[in-house]
Amino acid sequence: MQRRTVFFERAELDSLFRLYGRMVAAGEWRDYALDALPDRALFSVYRRTSEAPLYQIEKRPEDARRQGPYAVRAIDGRILRRGHDLARVLDVLTPKRMQIVD
């Protein structure tokens, strides 16, 4: 039995590239890589091209029933967030805005 390669769908890529664009504009990220593997799809983001990825956003369909298919991994391999909703998983990478309260 041959396994199919896992890809991000168009709506998922739209969410990933929107976040990527905001982070590039903020000067945080400079490069990305997409990988489609037999067991998962990866979107890796880099501060500099020559370094290891800062974060990897992965989609693992086989984990969909348990923790959810999406996860964000840090450079050291820790899973920062996992879930069923990509937008909520990506929230862990969105900088929080500070508000001054009088």
PDB file of N, CA and C in Angstrom:
ATOM      1  N   MET A   1       0.837  -1.185   0.000  1.00  0.00           N
ATOM      2  CA  MET A   1       0.000   0.000   0.000  1.00  0.00           C
ATOM      3  C   MET A   1       0.879   1.244   0.000  1.00  0.00           C
ATOM      4  N   GLN A   2       0.705   2.089  -0.975  1.00  0.00           N
ATOM      5  CA  GLN A   2       1.507   3.302  -1.099  1.00  0.00           C
ATOM      6  C   GLN A   2       0.822   4.462  -0.394  1.00  0.00           C
ATOM      7  N   ARG A   3       1.595   5.177   0.439  1.00  0.00           N
ATOM      8  CA  ARG A   3       1.044   6.318   1.164  1.00  0.00           C
ATOM      9  C   ARG A   3       1.063   7.553   0.277  1.00  0.00           C
ATOM     10  N   ARG A   4       0.052   8.375   0.442  1.00  0.00           N
ATOM     11  CA  ARG A   4      -0.016   9.625  -0.312  1.00  0.00           C
ATOM     12  C   ARG A   4       0.760  10.702   0.414  1.00  0.00           C
ATOM     13  N   THR A   5       1.257  11.641  -0.336  1.00  0.00           N
ATOM     14  CA  THR A   5       1.967  12.776   0.226  1.00  0.00           C
ATOM     15  C   THR A   5       0.950  13.755   0.812  1.00  0.00           C
ATOM     16  N   VAL A   6       1.293  14.345   1.959  1.00  0.00           N
ATOM     17  CA  VAL A   6       0.402  15.287   2.636  1.00  0.00           C
ATOM     18  C   VAL A   6       0.743  16.702   2.183  1.00  0.00           C
ATOM     19  N   PHE A   7      -0.272  17.472   1.822  1.00  0.00           N
ATOM     20  CA  PHE A   7      -0.116  18.865   1.400  1.00  0.00           C
ATOM     21  C   PHE A   7      -1.005  19.768   2.252  1.00  0.00           C
ATOM     22  N   PHE A   8      -0.668  21.044   2.301  1.00  0.00           N
ATOM     23  CA  PHE A   8      -1.574  22.036   2.859  1.00  0.00           C
ATOM     24  C   PHE A   8      -2.600  22.365   1.788  1.00  0.00           C
ATOM     25  N   GLU A   9      -3.837  22.599   2.210  1.00  0.00           N
ATOM     26  CA  GLU A   9      -4.877  23.009   1.273  1.00  0.00           C
ATOM     27  C   GLU A   9      -4.781  24.514   1.039  1.00  0.00           C
ATOM     28  N   ARG A  10      -5.492  24.991   0.037  1.00  0.00           N
ATOM     29  CA  ARG A  10      -5.412  26.404  -0.346  1.00  0.00           C
ATOM     30  C   ARG A  10      -5.763  27.353   0.809  1.00  0.00           C
ATOM     31  N   ALA A  11      -6.832  27.083   1.544  1.00  0.00           N
ATOM     32  CA  ALA A  11      -7.232  27.940   2.670  1.00  0.00           C
ATOM     33  C   ALA A  11      -6.172  27.935   3.773  1.00  0.00           C
ATOM     34  N   GLU A  12      -5.553  26.780   3.995  1.00  0.00           N
ATOM     35  CA  GLU A  12      -4.487  26.686   4.997  1.00  0.00           C
ATOM     36  C   GLU A  12      -3.274  27.505   4.568  1.00  0.00           C
ATOM     37  N   LEU A  13      -2.915  27.402   3.304  1.00  0.00           N
ATOM     38  CA  LEU A  13      -1.790  28.185   2.794  1.00  0.00           C
ATOM     39  C   LEU A  13      -2.081  29.681   2.875  1.00  0.00           C
ATOM     40  N   ASP A  14      -3.319  30.056   2.620  1.00  0.00           N
ATOM     41  CA  ASP A  14      -3.709  31.463   2.725  1.00  0.00           C
ATOM     42  C   ASP A  14      -3.461  31.977   4.140  1.00  0.00           C
ATOM     43  N   SER A  15      -3.866  31.227   5.139  1.00  0.00           N
ATOM     44  CA  SER A  15      -3.638  31.613   6.537  1.00  0.00           C
ATOM     45  C   SER A  15      -2.154  31.680   6.865  1.00  0.00           C
ATOM     46  N   LEU A  16      -1.401  30.707   6.387  1.00  0.00           N
ATOM     47  CA  LEU A  16       0.041  30.677   6.654  1.00  0.00           C
ATOM     48  C   LEU A  16       0.749  31.866   6.012  1.00  0.00           C
ATOM     49  N   PHE A  17       0.412  32.162   4.760  1.00  0.00           N
ATOM     50  CA  PHE A  17       1.079  33.272   4.070  1.00  0.00           C
ATOM     51  C   PHE A  17       0.647  34.637   4.602  1.00  0.00           C
ATOM     52  N   ARG A  18      -0.585  34.739   5.103  1.00  0.00           N
ATOM     53  CA  ARG A  18      -0.999  35.993   5.738  1.00  0.00           C
ATOM     54  C   ARG A  18      -0.172  36.268   6.994  1.00  0.00           C
ATOM     55  N   LEU A  19      -0.009  35.251   7.827  1.00  0.00           N
ATOM     56  CA  LEU A  19       0.820  35.393   9.026  1.00  0.00           C
ATOM     57  C   LEU A  19       2.265  35.677   8.636  1.00  0.00           C
ATOM     58  N   TYR A  20       2.766  34.961   7.652  1.00  0.00           N
ATOM     59  CA  TYR A  20       4.142  35.155   7.195  1.00  0.00           C
ATOM     60  C   TYR A  20       4.356  36.597   6.715  1.00  0.00           C
ATOM     61  N   GLY A  21       3.427  37.127   5.947  1.00  0.00           N
ATOM     62  CA  GLY A  21       3.534  38.500   5.452  1.00  0.00           C
ATOM     63  C   GLY A  21       3.577  39.515   6.581  1.00  0.00           C
ATOM     64  N   ARG A  22       2.730  39.319   7.594  1.00  0.00           N
ATOM     65  CA  ARG A  22       2.737  40.235   8.749  1.00  0.00           C
ATOM     66  C   ARG A  22       4.061  40.172   9.493  1.00  0.00           C
ATOM     67  N   MET A  23       4.612  38.986   9.661  1.00  0.00           N
ATOM     68  CA  MET A  23       5.864  38.827  10.403  1.00  0.00           C
ATOM     69  C   MET A  23       7.065  39.341   9.603  1.00  0.00           C
ATOM     70  N   VAL A  24       7.025  39.234   8.283  1.00  0.00           N
ATOM     71  CA  VAL A  24       8.079  39.816   7.441  1.00  0.00           C
ATOM     72  C   VAL A  24       8.020  41.337   7.540  1.00  0.00           C
ATOM     73  N   ALA A  25       6.819  41.894   7.484  1.00  0.00           N
ATOM     74  CA  ALA A  25       6.661  43.350   7.598  1.00  0.00           C
ATOM     75  C   ALA A  25       7.145  43.861   8.954  1.00  0.00           C
ATOM     76  N   ALA A  26       7.016  43.031   9.988  1.00  0.00           N
ATOM     77  CA  ALA A  26       7.478  43.409  11.326  1.00  0.00           C
ATOM     78  C   ALA A  26       8.981  43.190  11.486  1.00  0.00           C
ATOM     79  N   GLY A  27       9.629  42.590  10.479  1.00  0.00           N
ATOM     80  CA  GLY A  27      11.071  42.360  10.532  1.00  0.00           C
ATOM     81  C   GLY A  27      11.480  41.132  11.323  1.00  0.00           C
ATOM     82  N   GLU A  28      10.523  40.254  11.652  1.00  0.00           N
ATOM     83  CA  GLU A  28      10.809  39.063  12.461  1.00  0.00           C
ATOM     84  C   GLU A  28      11.263  37.869  11.623  1.00  0.00           C
ATOM     85  N   TRP A  29      10.646  37.672  10.486  1.00  0.00           N
ATOM     86  CA  TRP A  29      10.932  36.517   9.642  1.00  0.00           C
ATOM     87  C   TRP A  29      11.446  37.004   8.294  1.00  0.00           C
ATOM     88  N   ARG A  30      12.280  36.181   7.651  1.00  0.00           N
ATOM     89  CA  ARG A  30      12.842  36.575   6.354  1.00  0.00           C
ATOM     90  C   ARG A  30      12.718  35.525   5.257  1.00  0.00           C
ATOM     91  N   ASP A  31      12.460  34.291   5.633  1.00  0.00           N
ATOM     92  CA  ASP A  31      12.398  33.234   4.629  1.00  0.00           C
ATOM     93  C   ASP A  31      11.470  32.124   5.119  1.00  0.00           C
ATOM     94  N   TYR A  32      11.028  31.282   4.200  1.00  0.00           N
ATOM     95  CA  TYR A  32      10.190  30.139   4.554  1.00  0.00           C
ATOM     96  C   TYR A  32      10.512  28.970   3.638  1.00  0.00           C
ATOM     97  N   ALA A  33      10.055  27.794   4.040  1.00  0.00           N
ATOM     98  CA  ALA A  33      10.189  26.593   3.215  1.00  0.00           C
ATOM     99  C   ALA A  33       8.923  25.767   3.381  1.00  0.00           C
ATOM    100  N   LEU A  34       8.495  25.140   2.305  1.00  0.00           N
ATOM    101  CA  LEU A  34       7.358  24.229   2.319  1.00  0.00           C
ATOM    102  C   LEU A  34       7.860  22.828   2.028  1.00  0.00           C
ATOM    103  N   ASP A  35       7.421  21.869   2.814  1.00  0.00           N
ATOM    104  CA  ASP A  35       7.784  20.470   2.586  1.00  0.00           C
ATOM    105  C   ASP A  35       6.520  19.625   2.607  1.00  0.00           C
ATOM    106  N   ALA A  36       6.385  18.745   1.634  1.00  0.00           N
ATOM    107  CA  ALA A  36       5.277  17.789   1.584  1.00  0.00           C
ATOM    108  C   ALA A  36       5.894  16.399   1.719  1.00  0.00           C
ATOM    109  N   LEU A  37       5.616  15.758   2.841  1.00  0.00           N
ATOM    110  CA  LEU A  37       6.198  14.459   3.161  1.00  0.00           C
ATOM    111  C   LEU A  37       5.084  13.410   3.227  1.00  0.00           C
ATOM    112  N   PRO A  38       5.442  12.144   3.257  1.00  0.00           N
ATOM    113  CA  PRO A  38       4.401  11.109   3.299  1.00  0.00           C
ATOM    114  C   PRO A  38       3.511  11.175   4.542  1.00  0.00           C
ATOM    115  N   ASP A  39       4.041  11.616   5.670  1.00  0.00           N
ATOM    116  CA  ASP A  39       3.243  11.621   6.898  1.00  0.00           C
ATOM    117  C   ASP A  39       2.819  13.011   7.368  1.00  0.00           C
ATOM    118  N   ARG A  40       3.395  14.074   6.799  1.00  0.00           N
ATOM    119  CA  ARG A  40       3.070  15.424   7.256  1.00  0.00           C
ATOM    120  C   ARG A  40       3.472  16.472   6.211  1.00  0.00           C
ATOM    121  N   ALA A  41       2.858  17.645   6.339  1.00  0.00           N
ATOM    122  CA  ALA A  41       3.231  18.818   5.552  1.00  0.00           C
ATOM    123  C   ALA A  41       3.846  19.815   6.526  1.00  0.00           C
ATOM    124  N   LEU A  42       4.927  20.487   6.108  1.00  0.00           N
ATOM    125  CA  LEU A  42       5.628  21.435   6.972  1.00  0.00           C
ATOM    126  C   LEU A  42       5.722  22.805   6.317  1.00  0.00           C
ATOM    127  N   PHE A  43       5.519  23.834   7.122  1.00  0.00           N
ATOM    128  CA  PHE A  43       5.770  25.217   6.730  1.00  0.00           C
ATOM    129  C   PHE A  43       6.782  25.725   7.742  1.00  0.00           C
ATOM    130  N   SER A  44       8.025  25.890   7.324  1.00  0.00           N
ATOM    131  CA  SER A  44       9.101  26.310   8.217  1.00  0.00           C
ATOM    132  C   SER A  44       9.422  27.774   7.974  1.00  0.00           C
ATOM    133  N   VAL A  45       9.635  28.532   9.058  1.00  0.00           N
ATOM    134  CA  VAL A  45       9.968  29.949   8.933  1.00  0.00           C
ATOM    135  C   VAL A  45      11.341  30.203   9.536  1.00  0.00           C
ATOM    136  N   TYR A  46      12.062  31.127   8.909  1.00  0.00           N
ATOM    137  CA  TYR A  46      13.446  31.409   9.269  1.00  0.00           C
ATOM    138  C   TYR A  46      13.659  32.892   9.530  1.00  0.00           C
ATOM    139  N   ARG A  47      14.540  33.183  10.461  1.00  0.00           N
ATOM    140  CA  ARG A  47      14.966  34.572  10.658  1.00  0.00           C
ATOM    141  C   ARG A  47      16.027  34.901   9.608  1.00  0.00           C
ATOM    142  N   ARG A  48      16.943  33.973   9.382  1.00  0.00           N
ATOM    143  CA  ARG A  48      17.952  34.095   8.325  1.00  0.00           C
ATOM    144  C   ARG A  48      17.963  32.788   7.543  1.00  0.00           C
ATOM    145  N   THR A  49      18.239  32.885   6.274  1.00  0.00           N
ATOM    146  CA  THR A  49      18.184  31.712   5.406  1.00  0.00           C
ATOM    147  C   THR A  49      19.150  30.625   5.839  1.00  0.00           C
ATOM    148  N   SER A  50      20.304  30.992   6.352  1.00  0.00           N
ATOM    149  CA  SER A  50      21.337  30.012   6.665  1.00  0.00           C
ATOM    150  C   SER A  50      21.134  29.313   8.009  1.00  0.00           C
ATOM    151  N   GLU A  51      20.118  29.692   8.757  1.00  0.00           N
ATOM    152  CA  GLU A  51      19.899  29.120  10.085  1.00  0.00           C
ATOM    153  C   GLU A  51      18.871  27.991  10.053  1.00  0.00           C
ATOM    154  N   ALA A  52      18.729  27.344  11.200  1.00  0.00           N
ATOM    155  CA  ALA A  52      17.659  26.367  11.381  1.00  0.00           C
ATOM    156  C   ALA A  52      16.340  27.133  11.481  1.00  0.00           C
ATOM    157  N   PRO A  53      15.219  26.490  11.185  1.00  0.00           N
ATOM    158  CA  PRO A  53      13.949  27.210  11.254  1.00  0.00           C
ATOM    159  C   PRO A  53      13.612  27.651  12.677  1.00  0.00           C
ATOM    160  N   LEU A  54      13.064  28.864  12.793  1.00  0.00           N
ATOM    161  CA  LEU A  54      12.584  29.349  14.089  1.00  0.00           C
ATOM    162  C   LEU A  54      11.391  28.523  14.543  1.00  0.00           C
ATOM    163  N   TYR A  55      10.458  28.302  13.605  1.00  0.00           N
ATOM    164  CA  TYR A  55       9.246  27.555  13.893  1.00  0.00           C
ATOM    165  C   TYR A  55       8.907  26.661  12.718  1.00  0.00           C
ATOM    166  N   GLN A  56       8.239  25.562  13.015  1.00  0.00           N
ATOM    167  CA  GLN A  56       7.680  24.701  11.983  1.00  0.00           C
ATOM    168  C   GLN A  56       6.208  24.494  12.298  1.00  0.00           C
ATOM    169  N   ILE A  57       5.392  24.839  11.317  1.00  0.00           N
ATOM    170  CA  ILE A  57       3.960  24.592  11.429  1.00  0.00           C
ATOM    171  C   ILE A  57       3.712  23.309  10.657  1.00  0.00           C
ATOM    172  N   GLU A  58       3.157  22.318  11.327  1.00  0.00           N
ATOM    173  CA  GLU A  58       2.980  21.032  10.658  1.00  0.00           C
ATOM    174  C   GLU A  58       1.531  20.594  10.657  1.00  0.00           C
ATOM    175  N   LYS A  59       1.220  19.825   9.628  1.00  0.00           N
ATOM    176  CA  LYS A  59      -0.099  19.221   9.475  1.00  0.00           C
ATOM    177  C   LYS A  59       0.123  17.716   9.393  1.00  0.00           C
ATOM    178  N   ARG A  60      -0.404  16.995  10.384  1.00  0.00           N
ATOM    179  CA  ARG A  60      -0.310  15.532  10.435  1.00  0.00           C
ATOM    180  C   ARG A  60      -1.728  14.962  10.472  1.00  0.00           C
ATOM    181  N   PRO A  61      -2.256  14.534   9.350  1.00  0.00           N
ATOM    182  CA  PRO A  61      -3.631  14.008   9.327  1.00  0.00           C
ATOM    183  C   PRO A  61      -3.847  12.829  10.270  1.00  0.00           C
ATOM    184  N   GLU A  62      -2.835  12.029  10.510  1.00  0.00           N
ATOM    185  CA  GLU A  62      -3.017  10.861  11.385  1.00  0.00           C
ATOM    186  C   GLU A  62      -3.262  11.266  12.853  1.00  0.00           C
ATOM    187  N   ASP A  63      -2.912  12.489  13.237  1.00  0.00           N
ATOM    188  CA  ASP A  63      -3.166  12.977  14.600  1.00  0.00           C
ATOM    189  C   ASP A  63      -4.503  13.703  14.721  1.00  0.00           C
ATOM    190  N   ALA A  64      -5.270  13.781  13.651  1.00  0.00           N
ATOM    191  CA  ALA A  64      -6.497  14.584  13.625  1.00  0.00           C
ATOM    192  C   ALA A  64      -7.522  14.141  14.666  1.00  0.00           C
ATOM    193  N   ARG A  65      -7.627  12.876  14.925  1.00  0.00           N
ATOM    194  CA  ARG A  65      -8.637  12.399  15.885  1.00  0.00           C
ATOM    195  C   ARG A  65      -8.200  12.587  17.327  1.00  0.00           C
ATOM    196  N   ARG A  66      -6.912  12.628  17.568  1.00  0.00           N
ATOM    197  CA  ARG A  66      -6.423  12.761  18.942  1.00  0.00           C
ATOM    198  C   ARG A  66      -6.273  14.231  19.320  1.00  0.00           C
ATOM    199  N   GLN A  67      -5.133  14.829  19.030  1.00  0.00           N
ATOM    200  CA  GLN A  67      -4.864  16.212  19.453  1.00  0.00           C
ATOM    201  C   GLN A  67      -5.191  17.234  18.388  1.00  0.00           C
ATOM    202  N   GLY A  68      -5.446  16.809  17.200  1.00  0.00           N
ATOM    203  CA  GLY A  68      -5.679  17.718  16.088  1.00  0.00           C
ATOM    204  C   GLY A  68      -4.527  17.626  15.107  1.00  0.00           C
ATOM    205  N   PRO A  69      -4.777  17.927  13.842  1.00  0.00           N
ATOM    206  CA  PRO A  69      -3.755  17.743  12.815  1.00  0.00           C
ATOM    207  C   PRO A  69      -2.666  18.817  12.792  1.00  0.00           C
ATOM    208  N   TYR A  70      -2.902  19.971  13.442  1.00  0.00           N
ATOM    209  CA  TYR A  70      -1.963  21.091  13.339  1.00  0.00           C
ATOM    210  C   TYR A  70      -1.125  21.228  14.608  1.00  0.00           C
ATOM    211  N   ALA A  71       0.136  21.614  14.411  1.00  0.00           N
ATOM    212  CA  ALA A  71       1.020  21.864  15.548  1.00  0.00           C
ATOM    213  C   ALA A  71       2.049  22.908  15.151  1.00  0.00           C
ATOM    214  N   VAL A  72       2.513  23.666  16.144  1.00  0.00           N
ATOM    215  CA  VAL A  72       3.611  24.612  15.957  1.00  0.00           C
ATOM    216  C   VAL A  72       4.755  24.141  16.839  1.00  0.00           C
ATOM    217  N   ARG A  73       5.916  23.926  16.216  1.00  0.00           N
ATOM    218  CA  ARG A  73       7.116  23.505  16.936  1.00  0.00           C
ATOM    219  C   ARG A  73       8.125  24.635  16.965  1.00  0.00           C
ATOM    220  N   ALA A  74       8.784  24.782  18.115  1.00  0.00           N
ATOM    221  CA  ALA A  74       9.860  25.761  18.255  1.00  0.00           C
ATOM    222  C   ALA A  74      11.159  25.159  17.721  1.00  0.00           C
ATOM    223  N   ILE A  75      12.200  25.978  17.668  1.00  0.00           N
ATOM    224  CA  ILE A  75      13.497  25.556  17.140  1.00  0.00           C
ATOM    225  C   ILE A  75      14.088  24.384  17.930  1.00  0.00           C
ATOM    226  N   ASP A  76      13.758  24.303  19.223  1.00  0.00           N
ATOM    227  CA  ASP A  76      14.301  23.225  20.066  1.00  0.00           C
ATOM    228  C   ASP A  76      13.435  21.965  20.051  1.00  0.00           C
ATOM    229  N   GLY A  77      12.383  21.942  19.234  1.00  0.00           N
ATOM    230  CA  GLY A  77      11.552  20.761  19.096  1.00  0.00           C
ATOM    231  C   GLY A  77      10.312  20.740  19.977  1.00  0.00           C
ATOM    232  N   ARG A  78      10.195  21.689  20.914  1.00  0.00           N
ATOM    233  CA  ARG A  78       9.005  21.748  21.777  1.00  0.00           C
ATOM    234  C   ARG A  78       7.771  22.068  20.951  1.00  0.00           C
ATOM    235  N   ILE A  79       6.662  21.437  21.296  1.00  0.00           N
ATOM    236  CA  ILE A  79       5.398  21.769  20.654  1.00  0.00           C
ATOM    237  C   ILE A  79       4.780  22.909  21.445  1.00  0.00           C
ATOM    238  N   LEU A  80       4.617  24.065  20.791  1.00  0.00           N
ATOM    239  CA  LEU A  80       4.074  25.247  21.441  1.00  0.00           C
ATOM    240  C   LEU A  80       2.552  25.212  21.516  1.00  0.00           C
ATOM    241  N   ARG A  81       1.931  24.694  20.490  1.00  0.00           N
ATOM    242  CA  ARG A  81       0.468  24.570  20.490  1.00  0.00           C
ATOM    243  C   ARG A  81       0.080  23.510  19.474  1.00  0.00           C
ATOM    244  N   ARG A  82      -0.999  22.819  19.778  1.00  0.00           N
ATOM    245  CA  ARG A  82      -1.525  21.769  18.912  1.00  0.00           C
ATOM    246  C   ARG A  82      -3.042  21.885  18.920  1.00  0.00           C
ATOM    247  N   GLY A  83      -3.687  21.566  17.800  1.00  0.00           N
ATOM    248  CA  GLY A  83      -5.139  21.635  17.796  1.00  0.00           C
ATOM    249  C   GLY A  83      -5.782  21.284  16.467  1.00  0.00           C
ATOM    250  N   HIS A  84      -7.106  21.455  16.452  1.00  0.00           N
ATOM    251  CA  HIS A  84      -7.911  21.131  15.273  1.00  0.00           C
ATOM    252  C   HIS A  84      -8.132  22.335  14.372  1.00  0.00           C
ATOM    253  N   ASP A  85      -7.982  23.547  14.907  1.00  0.00           N
ATOM    254  CA  ASP A  85      -8.241  24.784  14.163  1.00  0.00           C
ATOM    255  C   ASP A  85      -6.916  25.495  13.894  1.00  0.00           C
ATOM    256  N   LEU A  86      -6.544  25.610  12.625  1.00  0.00           N
ATOM    257  CA  LEU A  86      -5.252  26.204  12.265  1.00  0.00           C
ATOM    258  C   LEU A  86      -5.129  27.635  12.770  1.00  0.00           C
ATOM    259  N   ALA A  87      -6.168  28.429  12.655  1.00  0.00           N
ATOM    260  CA  ALA A  87      -6.100  29.833  13.094  1.00  0.00           C
ATOM    261  C   ALA A  87      -5.783  29.929  14.581  1.00  0.00           C
ATOM    262  N   ARG A  88      -6.394  29.097  15.390  1.00  0.00           N
ATOM    263  CA  ARG A  88      -6.125  29.118  16.836  1.00  0.00           C
ATOM    264  C   ARG A  88      -4.722  28.617  17.146  1.00  0.00           C
ATOM    265  N   VAL A  89      -4.239  27.652  16.392  1.00  0.00           N
ATOM    266  CA  VAL A  89      -2.879  27.151  16.594  1.00  0.00           C
ATOM    267  C   VAL A  89      -1.862  28.231  16.232  1.00  0.00           C
ATOM    268  N   LEU A  90      -2.136  28.982  15.155  1.00  0.00           N
ATOM    269  CA  LEU A  90      -1.217  30.037  14.725  1.00  0.00           C
ATOM    270  C   LEU A  90      -1.196  31.231  15.675  1.00  0.00           C
ATOM    271  N   ASP A  91      -2.221  31.370  16.509  1.00  0.00           N
ATOM    272  CA  ASP A  91      -2.259  32.475  17.472  1.00  0.00           C
ATOM    273  C   ASP A  91      -1.042  32.499  18.379  1.00  0.00           C
ATOM    274  N   VAL A  92      -0.441  31.356  18.624  1.00  0.00           N
ATOM    275  CA  VAL A  92       0.737  31.297  19.489  1.00  0.00           C
ATOM    276  C   VAL A  92       1.913  32.072  18.883  1.00  0.00           C
ATOM    277  N   LEU A  93       1.906  32.288  17.574  1.00  0.00           N
ATOM    278  CA  LEU A  93       2.986  33.005  16.892  1.00  0.00           C
ATOM    279  C   LEU A  93       2.687  34.480  16.681  1.00  0.00           C
ATOM    280  N   THR A  94       1.453  34.899  16.938  1.00  0.00           N
ATOM    281  CA  THR A  94       1.055  36.281  16.727  1.00  0.00           C
ATOM    282  C   THR A  94       1.487  37.123  17.923  1.00  0.00           C
ATOM    283  N   PRO A  95       2.265  38.188  17.681  1.00  0.00           N
ATOM    284  CA  PRO A  95       2.686  39.028  18.801  1.00  0.00           C
ATOM    285  C   PRO A  95       1.488  39.690  19.475  1.00  0.00           C
ATOM    286  N   LYS A  96       1.540  39.718  20.778  1.00  0.00           N
ATOM    287  CA  LYS A  96       0.469  40.364  21.540  1.00  0.00           C
ATOM    288  C   LYS A  96       0.718  41.862  21.581  1.00  0.00           C
ATOM    289  N   ARG A  97      -0.317  42.627  21.373  1.00  0.00           N
ATOM    290  CA  ARG A  97      -0.196  44.086  21.415  1.00  0.00           C
ATOM    291  C   ARG A  97      -0.423  44.560  22.847  1.00  0.00           C
ATOM    292  N   MET A  98       0.427  45.452  23.273  1.00  0.00           N
ATOM    293  CA  MET A  98       0.273  46.010  24.598  1.00  0.00           C
ATOM    294  C   MET A  98      -0.640  47.226  24.540  1.00  0.00           C
ATOM    295  N   GLN A  99      -1.421  47.408  25.566  1.00  0.00           N
ATOM    296  CA  GLN A  99      -2.348  48.518  25.607  1.00  0.00           C
ATOM    297  C   GLN A  99      -2.114  49.293  26.901  1.00  0.00           C
ATOM    298  N   ILE A 100      -2.063  50.596  26.795  1.00  0.00           N
ATOM    299  CA  ILE A 100      -1.891  51.444  27.989  1.00  0.00           C
ATOM    300  C   ILE A 100      -3.263  51.711  28.572  1.00  0.00           C
ATOM    301  N   VAL A 101      -3.398  51.408  29.840  1.00  0.00           N
ATOM    302  CA  VAL A 101      -4.674  51.600  30.529  1.00  0.00           C
ATOM    303  C   VAL A 101      -4.490  52.697  31.546  1.00  0.00           C
ATOM    304  N   ASP A 102      -5.378  53.697  31.524  1.00  0.00           N
ATOM    305  CA  ASP A 102      -5.316  54.808  32.485  1.00  0.00           C
ATOM    306  C   ASP A 102      -6.027  54.455  33.760  1.00  0.00           C
TER     307      ASP A 102
END
